[in-house]
Every structure is written in C-alpha cells, then in structure tokens.
C-alpha cells in the first residue's frame, strides 16, 4: 500500500479559548476524499492547516512525508498543493485563460529574468502552460469563453475557473472548499465531469468539502465526517451516511426517512 499524501497527526487548533480541532487524526491518499460535517466543525480550518494559512496549536501535518507546520502557503504550493476557497479568488481584469495560467507557477523554472528578456525557454514554458490552461477550460466547458474577463462570469463559473487554475499546476494534492456552492445544475455537471475525467485513475489526492451529499457520493469513494473538531466516521459514503452517530450529529433525525 502506498504512503498517504497527507498525514494529520494528533492535531489541535484553538483560536483563543475556542477549540476548533481536537486531537484530529486523518490520513489522505490518492483519489477523492469527501470531508463533511456541520457548520463550525472545523472543515475549512483543516484545509487551512494543510495549505499553511493557519498553524496548529499542537500536533503535526505532513505532506508527502515532510512536515509543513510553519511553512508559508507559497512554499507548500511549490510542493504540489493547490486549493480553492469558498469565495472564488479570481483576478477580475484578467481573462479566464489568464486566470488559469496563474496557477502554472511550478512550471516556470527559468525565472523572471528569462521572462523579462524573452528567452526561448521561457516562451516555450509559457506556451505549454497556455495550452494546458486552454485544455482544462475545454474540459470544464468554458473554452469558448476563454478570452472573456473573469469579472464577466457568474460566481459558479468563477469557481470552475479557480478549480482549473488549481489543476494547471499538476498538483499532488488539490483542496476544494465547497466548489459546488452557488452552482446551477449544469455547472455542477461540468464540474463533476471535468474533475472525474481529469483525475480518474491518477495519483493526485483531492479533498472536497461540500454540503451537496449527492455530489460527494458521486465523486468520493471515501467520506470523513468532522464533528466538534474530531472525525466521527470514515469510510464509503453509503456506510457513513447510514451511520447512526452521523445522522444524529450532522444529517438530522429525518434524514434516514427522507432517503
């Protein structure tokens, strides 16, 4: 069995007197892992710990075997970690294509001087990232609008652009924070189809925070449930969503009957 890409080892995170994560233990391997739980359970804090936006109060977070505690977000990104946010962070004045290309920094190995003087190696690298960005927009159904400014897109499409920006960097780990929130049915299908088709059978690990349990069940063979900062269930979605503790803590007493 291959080593996990992410290891969260006995992590505690508190903000003042508010304990958000408490003795959290979680390993994440290749493929899709859904991370669900009620609001305030610590899901986004978990992603922030992995990507370096917050530091654990105690415990360790390792990515590909190396601790990332104290590392800057840009340094963790350079190790092959990409993420999206609940509110998309696009550069409004740039086109959709240019926004996706911003994620290709790990491919720019020639440095800024090479770009400044227009060296052939830098031009080839930029052309490769451009082609890859266009391919991703095509996969997510936005190729025909590649040159439109990001500000012209609805929030749902901006989220898809952000997902494509994360993928252009060929990450080892992709962290998605509520990627389907605010998306219409058509955009959800584009998101699911693009992600599933792009990552199927690969070695990339994807962690998805999402309240759309149908989407989670479609994409994720594994689901972990956070409640009061601890994992209370972890396994295949059908088993997890039938777990009595999960139903009571997160889904509500009427969930099983509704299903």
C-alpha atoms as a PDB file:
ATOM      1  CA  UNK A   1       0.000   0.000   0.000  1.00  0.00           C
ATOM      2  CA  UNK A   2       1.393   3.420  -0.954  1.00  0.00           C
ATOM      3  CA  UNK A   3       2.144   6.006   1.719  1.00  0.00           C
ATOM      4  CA  UNK A   4      -0.545   8.652   2.322  1.00  0.00           C
ATOM      5  CA  UNK A   5      -0.013  12.032   0.697  1.00  0.00           C
ATOM      6  CA  UNK A   6      -1.292  13.859   3.795  1.00  0.00           C
ATOM      7  CA  UNK A   7      -0.962  12.860   7.442  1.00  0.00           C
ATOM      8  CA  UNK A   8      -2.696  14.907  10.133  1.00  0.00           C
ATOM      9  CA  UNK A   9      -1.259  13.617  13.372  1.00  0.00           C
ATOM     10  CA  UNK A  10      -2.971  14.391  16.686  1.00  0.00           C
ATOM     11  CA  UNK A  11      -3.645  17.997  15.674  1.00  0.00           C
ATOM     12  CA  UNK A  12      -5.246  20.514  17.972  1.00  0.00           C
ATOM     13  CA  UNK A  13      -6.168  24.004  16.817  1.00  0.00           C
ATOM     14  CA  UNK A  14      -7.681  26.652  19.027  1.00  0.00           C
ATOM     15  CA  UNK A  15      -8.416  30.317  18.447  1.00  0.00           C
ATOM     16  CA  UNK A  16      -8.244  31.861  21.891  1.00  0.00           C
ATOM     17  CA  UNK A  17     -10.477  29.705  24.055  1.00  0.00           C
ATOM     18  CA  UNK A  18     -12.330  28.214  21.080  1.00  0.00           C
ATOM     19  CA  UNK A  19     -11.084  24.711  20.261  1.00  0.00           C
ATOM     20  CA  UNK A  20     -11.782  24.085  16.560  1.00  0.00           C
ATOM     21  CA  UNK A  21      -9.832  20.860  16.034  1.00  0.00           C
ATOM     22  CA  UNK A  22      -9.185  18.441  18.883  1.00  0.00           C
ATOM     23  CA  UNK A  23      -6.743  15.514  18.614  1.00  0.00           C
ATOM     24  CA  UNK A  24      -7.527  15.216  14.910  1.00  0.00           C
ATOM     25  CA  UNK A  25      -6.021  12.200  13.153  1.00  0.00           C
ATOM     26  CA  UNK A  26      -6.570  11.794   9.402  1.00  0.00           C
ATOM     27  CA  UNK A  27      -4.641  10.264   6.516  1.00  0.00           C
ATOM     28  CA  UNK A  28      -5.406  11.117   2.903  1.00  0.00           C
ATOM     29  CA  UNK A  29      -4.296   9.094  -0.097  1.00  0.00           C
ATOM     30  CA  UNK A  30      -4.716   9.336  -3.856  1.00  0.00           C
ATOM     31  CA  UNK A  31      -8.215   9.800  -5.241  1.00  0.00           C
ATOM     32  CA  UNK A  32     -11.238  11.683  -3.933  1.00  0.00           C
ATOM     33  CA  UNK A  33     -11.914  12.097  -0.224  1.00  0.00           C
ATOM     34  CA  UNK A  34     -15.025  13.937   0.921  1.00  0.00           C
ATOM     35  CA  UNK A  35     -14.833  15.958   4.142  1.00  0.00           C
ATOM     36  CA  UNK A  36     -18.283  16.729   5.528  1.00  0.00           C
ATOM     37  CA  UNK A  37     -19.797  17.911   8.786  1.00  0.00           C
ATOM     38  CA  UNK A  38     -21.981  20.635  10.274  1.00  0.00           C
ATOM     39  CA  UNK A  39     -21.051  24.307  10.067  1.00  0.00           C
ATOM     40  CA  UNK A  40     -18.313  25.100  12.547  1.00  0.00           C
ATOM     41  CA  UNK A  41     -16.992  21.536  12.634  1.00  0.00           C
ATOM     42  CA  UNK A  42     -13.500  22.651  11.557  1.00  0.00           C
ATOM     43  CA  UNK A  43     -13.508  21.598   7.898  1.00  0.00           C
ATOM     44  CA  UNK A  44     -12.052  24.790   6.405  1.00  0.00           C
ATOM     45  CA  UNK A  45      -9.584  25.039   9.288  1.00  0.00           C
ATOM     46  CA  UNK A  46      -8.407  21.564   8.332  1.00  0.00           C
ATOM     47  CA  UNK A  47      -7.677  22.706   4.764  1.00  0.00           C
ATOM     48  CA  UNK A  48      -6.022  25.868   6.077  1.00  0.00           C
ATOM     49  CA  UNK A  49      -3.674  23.757   8.204  1.00  0.00           C
ATOM     50  CA  UNK A  50      -2.645  21.618   5.226  1.00  0.00           C
ATOM     51  CA  UNK A  51      -2.107  24.628   2.950  1.00  0.00           C
ATOM     52  CA  UNK A  52      -0.280  26.751   5.535  1.00  0.00           C
ATOM     53  CA  UNK A  53      -2.804  29.513   6.169  1.00  0.00           C
ATOM     54  CA  UNK A  54      -3.006  28.615   9.854  1.00  0.00           C
ATOM     55  CA  UNK A  55      -0.630  26.785  12.181  1.00  0.00           C
ATOM     56  CA  UNK A  56      -1.690  24.012  14.560  1.00  0.00           C
ATOM     57  CA  UNK A  57      -1.648  24.689  18.282  1.00  0.00           C
ATOM     58  CA  UNK A  58      -0.282  21.153  18.729  1.00  0.00           C
ATOM     59  CA  UNK A  59       0.400  18.119  16.565  1.00  0.00           C
ATOM     60  CA  UNK A  60       1.896  17.724  13.110  1.00  0.00           C
ATOM     61  CA  UNK A  61       0.761  17.997   9.495  1.00  0.00           C
ATOM     62  CA  UNK A  62       2.839  16.181   6.872  1.00  0.00           C
ATOM     63  CA  UNK A  63       2.549  16.409   3.096  1.00  0.00           C
ATOM     64  CA  UNK A  64       4.346  13.667   1.175  1.00  0.00           C
ATOM     65  CA  UNK A  65       6.183  12.701   4.333  1.00  0.00           C
ATOM     66  CA  UNK A  66       7.517  16.165   5.228  1.00  0.00           C
ATOM     67  CA  UNK A  67       6.098  18.385   7.960  1.00  0.00           C
ATOM     68  CA  UNK A  68       4.537  21.616   6.680  1.00  0.00           C
ATOM     69  CA  UNK A  69       3.998  23.169  10.117  1.00  0.00           C
ATOM     70  CA  UNK A  70       5.343  26.709   9.930  1.00  0.00           C
ATOM     71  CA  UNK A  71       5.838  26.639   6.153  1.00  0.00           C
ATOM     72  CA  UNK A  72       4.446  29.536   4.120  1.00  0.00           C
ATOM     73  CA  UNK A  73       1.466  28.882   1.824  1.00  0.00           C
ATOM     74  CA  UNK A  74       3.559  29.651  -1.272  1.00  0.00           C
ATOM     75  CA  UNK A  75       6.208  27.137  -0.194  1.00  0.00           C
ATOM     76  CA  UNK A  76       3.573  24.452   0.402  1.00  0.00           C
ATOM     77  CA  UNK A  77       2.068  25.262  -3.002  1.00  0.00           C
ATOM     78  CA  UNK A  78       5.508  24.755  -4.547  1.00  0.00           C
ATOM     79  CA  UNK A  79       5.460  21.219  -3.105  1.00  0.00           C
ATOM     80  CA  UNK A  80       2.417  20.461  -5.239  1.00  0.00           C
ATOM     81  CA  UNK A  81      -0.526  21.567  -3.095  1.00  0.00           C
ATOM     82  CA  UNK A  82      -3.313  23.599  -4.718  1.00  0.00           C
ATOM     83  CA  UNK A  83      -6.562  24.827  -3.198  1.00  0.00           C
ATOM     84  CA  UNK A  84      -9.719  26.766  -3.857  1.00  0.00           C
ATOM     85  CA  UNK A  85     -11.754  28.888  -1.460  1.00  0.00           C
ATOM     86  CA  UNK A  86     -15.431  29.204  -0.582  1.00  0.00           C
ATOM     87  CA  UNK A  87     -15.441  32.619  -2.253  1.00  0.00           C
ATOM     88  CA  UNK A  88     -13.563  32.394  -5.573  1.00  0.00           C
ATOM     89  CA  UNK A  89     -10.387  34.472  -5.808  1.00  0.00           C
ATOM     90  CA  UNK A  90     -10.069  35.395  -9.456  1.00  0.00           C
ATOM     91  CA  UNK A  91      -8.322  38.425 -10.918  1.00  0.00           C
ATOM     92  CA  UNK A  92     -11.289  40.277 -12.360  1.00  0.00           C
ATOM     93  CA  UNK A  93      -9.411  42.211 -15.055  1.00  0.00           C
ATOM     94  CA  UNK A  94      -7.716  39.120 -16.485  1.00  0.00           C
ATOM     95  CA  UNK A  95      -9.353  36.698 -18.869  1.00  0.00           C
ATOM     96  CA  UNK A  96     -10.491  33.244 -17.818  1.00  0.00           C
ATOM     97  CA  UNK A  97      -7.482  31.785 -19.646  1.00  0.00           C
ATOM     98  CA  UNK A  98      -5.037  34.150 -17.933  1.00  0.00           C
ATOM     99  CA  UNK A  99      -6.546  33.344 -14.537  1.00  0.00           C
ATOM    100  CA  UNK A 100      -5.997  29.628 -15.107  1.00  0.00           C
ATOM    101  CA  UNK A 101      -2.441  30.278 -16.312  1.00  0.00           C
ATOM    102  CA  UNK A 102      -1.636  31.975 -12.996  1.00  0.00           C
ATOM    103  CA  UNK A 103      -1.671  28.515 -11.444  1.00  0.00           C
ATOM    104  CA  UNK A 104       1.238  27.341 -13.602  1.00  0.00           C
ATOM    105  CA  UNK A 105       3.975  28.864 -11.456  1.00  0.00           C
ATOM    106  CA  UNK A 106       5.544  25.480 -10.669  1.00  0.00           C
ATOM    107  CA  UNK A 107       6.300  25.056 -14.375  1.00  0.00           C
ATOM    108  CA  UNK A 108       8.158  28.389 -14.661  1.00  0.00           C
ATOM    109  CA  UNK A 109      11.623  27.119 -13.854  1.00  0.00           C
ATOM    110  CA  UNK A 110      13.617  29.664 -15.879  1.00  0.00           C
ATOM    111  CA  UNK A 111      12.977  32.607 -13.559  1.00  0.00           C
ATOM    112  CA  UNK A 112      11.809  36.163 -14.070  1.00  0.00           C
ATOM    113  CA  UNK A 113      14.952  37.322 -15.904  1.00  0.00           C
ATOM    114  CA  UNK A 114      14.362  34.755 -18.604  1.00  0.00           C
ATOM    115  CA  UNK A 115      10.797  36.021 -18.943  1.00  0.00           C
ATOM    116  CA  UNK A 116      11.961  39.648 -18.929  1.00  0.00           C
ATOM    117  CA  UNK A 117      14.400  39.110 -21.788  1.00  0.00           C
ATOM    118  CA  UNK A 118      12.040  36.870 -23.701  1.00  0.00           C
ATOM    119  CA  UNK A 119      14.349  33.855 -23.814  1.00  0.00           C
ATOM    120  CA  UNK A 120      13.131  30.976 -25.912  1.00  0.00           C
ATOM    121  CA  UNK A 121      12.954  28.609 -22.962  1.00  0.00           C
ATOM    122  CA  UNK A 122      10.648  30.998 -21.110  1.00  0.00           C
ATOM    123  CA  UNK A 123       8.446  31.441 -24.179  1.00  0.00           C
ATOM    124  CA  UNK A 124       8.161  27.678 -24.612  1.00  0.00           C
ATOM    125  CA  UNK A 125       7.205  27.240 -20.975  1.00  0.00           C
ATOM    126  CA  UNK A 126       4.553  29.939 -21.225  1.00  0.00           C
ATOM    127  CA  UNK A 127       3.164  28.361 -24.398  1.00  0.00           C
ATOM    128  CA  UNK A 128       2.959  24.979 -22.671  1.00  0.00           C
ATOM    129  CA  UNK A 129       1.099  26.456 -19.687  1.00  0.00           C
ATOM    130  CA  UNK A 130      -1.233  28.351 -22.026  1.00  0.00           C
ATOM    131  CA  UNK A 131      -2.052  25.175 -23.949  1.00  0.00           C
ATOM    132  CA  UNK A 132      -2.650  23.268 -20.737  1.00  0.00           C
ATOM    133  CA  UNK A 133      -4.879  26.046 -19.366  1.00  0.00           C
ATOM    134  CA  UNK A 134      -6.948  26.050 -22.541  1.00  0.00           C
ATOM    135  CA  UNK A 135      -7.262  22.263 -22.389  1.00  0.00           C
ATOM    136  CA  UNK A 136      -8.596  22.485 -18.827  1.00  0.00           C
ATOM    137  CA  UNK A 137     -11.121  25.190 -19.719  1.00  0.00           C
ATOM    138  CA  UNK A 138     -12.280  22.964 -22.565  1.00  0.00           C
ATOM    139  CA  UNK A 139     -12.641  20.026 -20.175  1.00  0.00           C
ATOM    140  CA  UNK A 140     -14.854  22.146 -17.904  1.00  0.00           C
ATOM    141  CA  UNK A 141     -16.898  23.542 -20.807  1.00  0.00           C
ATOM    142  CA  UNK A 142     -15.511  27.094 -20.771  1.00  0.00           C
ATOM    143  CA  UNK A 143     -13.124  27.043 -23.739  1.00  0.00           C
ATOM    144  CA  UNK A 144     -15.412  29.209 -25.891  1.00  0.00           C
ATOM    145  CA  UNK A 145     -15.252  31.940 -23.230  1.00  0.00           C
ATOM    146  CA  UNK A 146     -11.525  31.661 -22.532  1.00  0.00           C
ATOM    147  CA  UNK A 147     -10.774  35.256 -23.550  1.00  0.00           C
ATOM    148  CA  UNK A 148     -13.606  36.861 -21.592  1.00  0.00           C
ATOM    149  CA  UNK A 149     -12.670  38.760 -18.414  1.00  0.00           C
ATOM    150  CA  UNK A 150     -13.214  36.778 -15.232  1.00  0.00           C
ATOM    151  CA  UNK A 151     -15.450  39.552 -13.895  1.00  0.00           C
ATOM    152  CA  UNK A 152     -17.986  38.747 -16.623  1.00  0.00           C
ATOM    153  CA  UNK A 153     -18.565  35.226 -15.293  1.00  0.00           C
ATOM    154  CA  UNK A 154     -21.142  34.342 -12.629  1.00  0.00           C
ATOM    155  CA  UNK A 155     -19.816  33.119  -9.289  1.00  0.00           C
ATOM    156  CA  UNK A 156     -20.378  29.488 -10.236  1.00  0.00           C
ATOM    157  CA  UNK A 157     -18.225  29.753 -13.342  1.00  0.00           C
ATOM    158  CA  UNK A 158     -15.581  31.689 -11.421  1.00  0.00           C
ATOM    159  CA  UNK A 159     -15.366  28.713  -9.061  1.00  0.00           C
ATOM    160  CA  UNK A 160     -14.806  26.383 -12.014  1.00  0.00           C
ATOM    161  CA  UNK A 161     -12.078  28.713 -13.312  1.00  0.00           C
ATOM    162  CA  UNK A 162     -10.444  28.523  -9.894  1.00  0.00           C
ATOM    163  CA  UNK A 163     -10.572  24.715  -9.933  1.00  0.00           C
ATOM    164  CA  UNK A 164      -8.947  24.709 -13.376  1.00  0.00           C
ATOM    165  CA  UNK A 165      -6.273  27.103 -12.064  1.00  0.00           C
ATOM    166  CA  UNK A 166      -5.504  24.613  -9.300  1.00  0.00           C
ATOM    167  CA  UNK A 167      -5.186  21.749 -11.772  1.00  0.00           C
ATOM    168  CA  UNK A 168      -2.933  23.530 -14.270  1.00  0.00           C
ATOM    169  CA  UNK A 169      -0.166  23.266 -11.686  1.00  0.00           C
ATOM    170  CA  UNK A 170      -0.365  19.442 -11.892  1.00  0.00           C
ATOM    171  CA  UNK A 171      -0.761  19.192  -8.110  1.00  0.00           C
ATOM    172  CA  UNK A 172      -0.108  16.169  -5.970  1.00  0.00           C
ATOM    173  CA  UNK A 173      -2.899  17.416  -3.696  1.00  0.00           C
ATOM    174  CA  UNK A 174      -5.957  19.501  -4.578  1.00  0.00           C
ATOM    175  CA  UNK A 175      -8.064  21.006  -1.773  1.00  0.00           C
ATOM    176  CA  UNK A 176     -11.569  22.121  -2.774  1.00  0.00           C
ATOM    177  CA  UNK A 177     -13.612  24.183  -0.314  1.00  0.00           C
ATOM    178  CA  UNK A 178     -17.304  23.957  -1.268  1.00  0.00           C
ATOM    179  CA  UNK A 179     -16.679  24.031  -5.027  1.00  0.00           C
ATOM    180  CA  UNK A 180     -20.352  23.390  -5.887  1.00  0.00           C
ATOM    181  CA  UNK A 181     -21.881  26.076  -3.634  1.00  0.00           C
ATOM    182  CA  UNK A 182     -23.743  28.565  -5.816  1.00  0.00           C
ATOM    183  CA  UNK A 183     -23.524  26.400  -8.940  1.00  0.00           C
ATOM    184  CA  UNK A 184     -26.565  25.560 -11.024  1.00  0.00           C
ATOM    185  CA  UNK A 185     -27.253  22.001 -12.115  1.00  0.00           C
ATOM    186  CA  UNK A 186     -25.466  22.472 -15.453  1.00  0.00           C
ATOM    187  CA  UNK A 187     -22.346  23.887 -13.795  1.00  0.00           C
ATOM    188  CA  UNK A 188     -22.333  21.058 -11.243  1.00  0.00           C
ATOM    189  CA  UNK A 189     -22.346  18.535 -14.095  1.00  0.00           C
ATOM    190  CA  UNK A 190     -19.467  20.393 -15.773  1.00  0.00           C
ATOM    191  CA  UNK A 191     -17.533  20.421 -12.502  1.00  0.00           C
ATOM    192  CA  UNK A 192     -18.109  16.733 -11.742  1.00  0.00           C
ATOM    193  CA  UNK A 193     -17.422  15.613 -15.297  1.00  0.00           C
ATOM    194  CA  UNK A 194     -14.262  17.699 -15.545  1.00  0.00           C
ATOM    195  CA  UNK A 195     -12.852  16.556 -12.221  1.00  0.00           C
ATOM    196  CA  UNK A 196     -13.773  12.904 -12.620  1.00  0.00           C
ATOM    197  CA  UNK A 197     -12.489  12.694 -16.172  1.00  0.00           C
ATOM    198  CA  UNK A 198      -9.264  14.541 -15.450  1.00  0.00           C
ATOM    199  CA  UNK A 199      -8.263  12.753 -12.252  1.00  0.00           C
ATOM    200  CA  UNK A 200      -9.657   9.241 -12.816  1.00  0.00           C
ATOM    201  CA  UNK A 201      -7.033   6.606 -12.171  1.00  0.00           C
ATOM    202  CA  UNK A 202      -4.314   9.130 -11.342  1.00  0.00           C
ATOM    203  CA  UNK A 203      -2.124   9.629  -8.288  1.00  0.00           C
ATOM    204  CA  UNK A 204      -3.469  13.055  -7.292  1.00  0.00           C
ATOM    205  CA  UNK A 205      -5.255  13.323  -3.953  1.00  0.00           C
ATOM    206  CA  UNK A 206      -8.369  15.506  -3.839  1.00  0.00           C
ATOM    207  CA  UNK A 207     -10.081  16.624  -0.640  1.00  0.00           C
ATOM    208  CA  UNK A 208     -13.561  18.099  -1.124  1.00  0.00           C
ATOM    209  CA  UNK A 209     -15.528  19.998   1.497  1.00  0.00           C
ATOM    210  CA  UNK A 210     -19.112  20.006   0.318  1.00  0.00           C
ATOM    211  CA  UNK A 211     -22.657  20.079   1.695  1.00  0.00           C
ATOM    212  CA  UNK A 212     -24.055  18.556  -1.505  1.00  0.00           C
ATOM    213  CA  UNK A 213     -24.080  14.933  -0.369  1.00  0.00           C
ATOM    214  CA  UNK A 214     -25.182  13.644  -3.773  1.00  0.00           C
ATOM    215  CA  UNK A 215     -22.090  15.211  -5.337  1.00  0.00           C
ATOM    216  CA  UNK A 216     -19.895  13.764  -2.581  1.00  0.00           C
ATOM    217  CA  UNK A 217     -21.394  10.321  -3.090  1.00  0.00           C
ATOM    218  CA  UNK A 218     -20.832  10.519  -6.843  1.00  0.00           C
ATOM    219  CA  UNK A 219     -17.201  11.591  -6.673  1.00  0.00           C
ATOM    220  CA  UNK A 220     -15.807  10.227  -3.431  1.00  0.00           C
ATOM    221  CA  UNK A 221     -15.286   6.538  -2.600  1.00  0.00           C
ATOM    222  CA  UNK A 222     -14.307   7.706   0.879  1.00  0.00           C
ATOM    223  CA  UNK A 223     -16.005  10.222   3.187  1.00  0.00           C
ATOM    224  CA  UNK A 224     -14.776  11.506   6.559  1.00  0.00           C
ATOM    225  CA  UNK A 225     -17.134  13.315   8.923  1.00  0.00           C
ATOM    226  CA  UNK A 226     -15.907  16.070  11.242  1.00  0.00           C
ATOM    227  CA  UNK A 227     -17.899  16.954  14.351  1.00  0.00           C
ATOM    228  CA  UNK A 228     -16.631  19.232  17.122  1.00  0.00           C
ATOM    229  CA  UNK A 229     -13.141  19.007  15.624  1.00  0.00           C
ATOM    230  CA  UNK A 230     -12.905  15.207  15.563  1.00  0.00           C
ATOM    231  CA  UNK A 231     -13.546  12.512  12.975  1.00  0.00           C
ATOM    232  CA  UNK A 232     -16.670  10.599  13.991  1.00  0.00           C
ATOM    233  CA  UNK A 233     -16.970   8.403  10.874  1.00  0.00           C
ATOM    234  CA  UNK A 234     -14.718   7.493   7.949  1.00  0.00           C
ATOM    235  CA  UNK A 235     -15.492   5.115   5.092  1.00  0.00           C
ATOM    236  CA  UNK A 236     -17.575   4.575   1.938  1.00  0.00           C
ATOM    237  CA  UNK A 237     -20.355   7.182   1.573  1.00  0.00           C
ATOM    238  CA  UNK A 238     -23.198   4.639   1.752  1.00  0.00           C
ATOM    239  CA  UNK A 239     -21.932   3.366   5.098  1.00  0.00           C
ATOM    240  CA  UNK A 240     -21.102   6.782   6.517  1.00  0.00           C
ATOM    241  CA  UNK A 241     -24.459   8.309   5.616  1.00  0.00           C
ATOM    242  CA  UNK A 242     -26.238   5.399   7.291  1.00  0.00           C
ATOM    243  CA  UNK A 243     -24.196   5.679  10.481  1.00  0.00           C
ATOM    244  CA  UNK A 244     -26.483   6.478  13.420  1.00  0.00           C
ATOM    245  CA  UNK A 245     -23.935   8.818  15.010  1.00  0.00           C
ATOM    246  CA  UNK A 246     -23.550  10.780  11.750  1.00  0.00           C
ATOM    247  CA  UNK A 247     -27.307  11.002  11.248  1.00  0.00           C
ATOM    248  CA  UNK A 248     -27.813  12.360  14.747  1.00  0.00           C
ATOM    249  CA  UNK A 249     -24.843  14.760  14.741  1.00  0.00           C
ATOM    250  CA  UNK A 250     -24.998  16.138  11.221  1.00  0.00           C
ATOM    251  CA  UNK A 251     -27.824  14.979   8.984  1.00  0.00           C
ATOM    252  CA  UNK A 252     -30.763  15.216  11.353  1.00  0.00           C
ATOM    253  CA  UNK A 253     -33.226  12.646  12.593  1.00  0.00           C
ATOM    254  CA  UNK A 254     -35.399  12.891   9.484  1.00  0.00           C
ATOM    255  CA  UNK A 255     -32.559  12.124   7.071  1.00  0.00           C
ATOM    256  CA  UNK A 256     -32.944   8.327   7.009  1.00  0.00           C
ATOM    257  CA  UNK A 257     -36.697   8.630   6.497  1.00  0.00           C
ATOM    258  CA  UNK A 258     -36.243  11.191   3.695  1.00  0.00           C
ATOM    259  CA  UNK A 259     -33.871   8.886   1.883  1.00  0.00           C
END
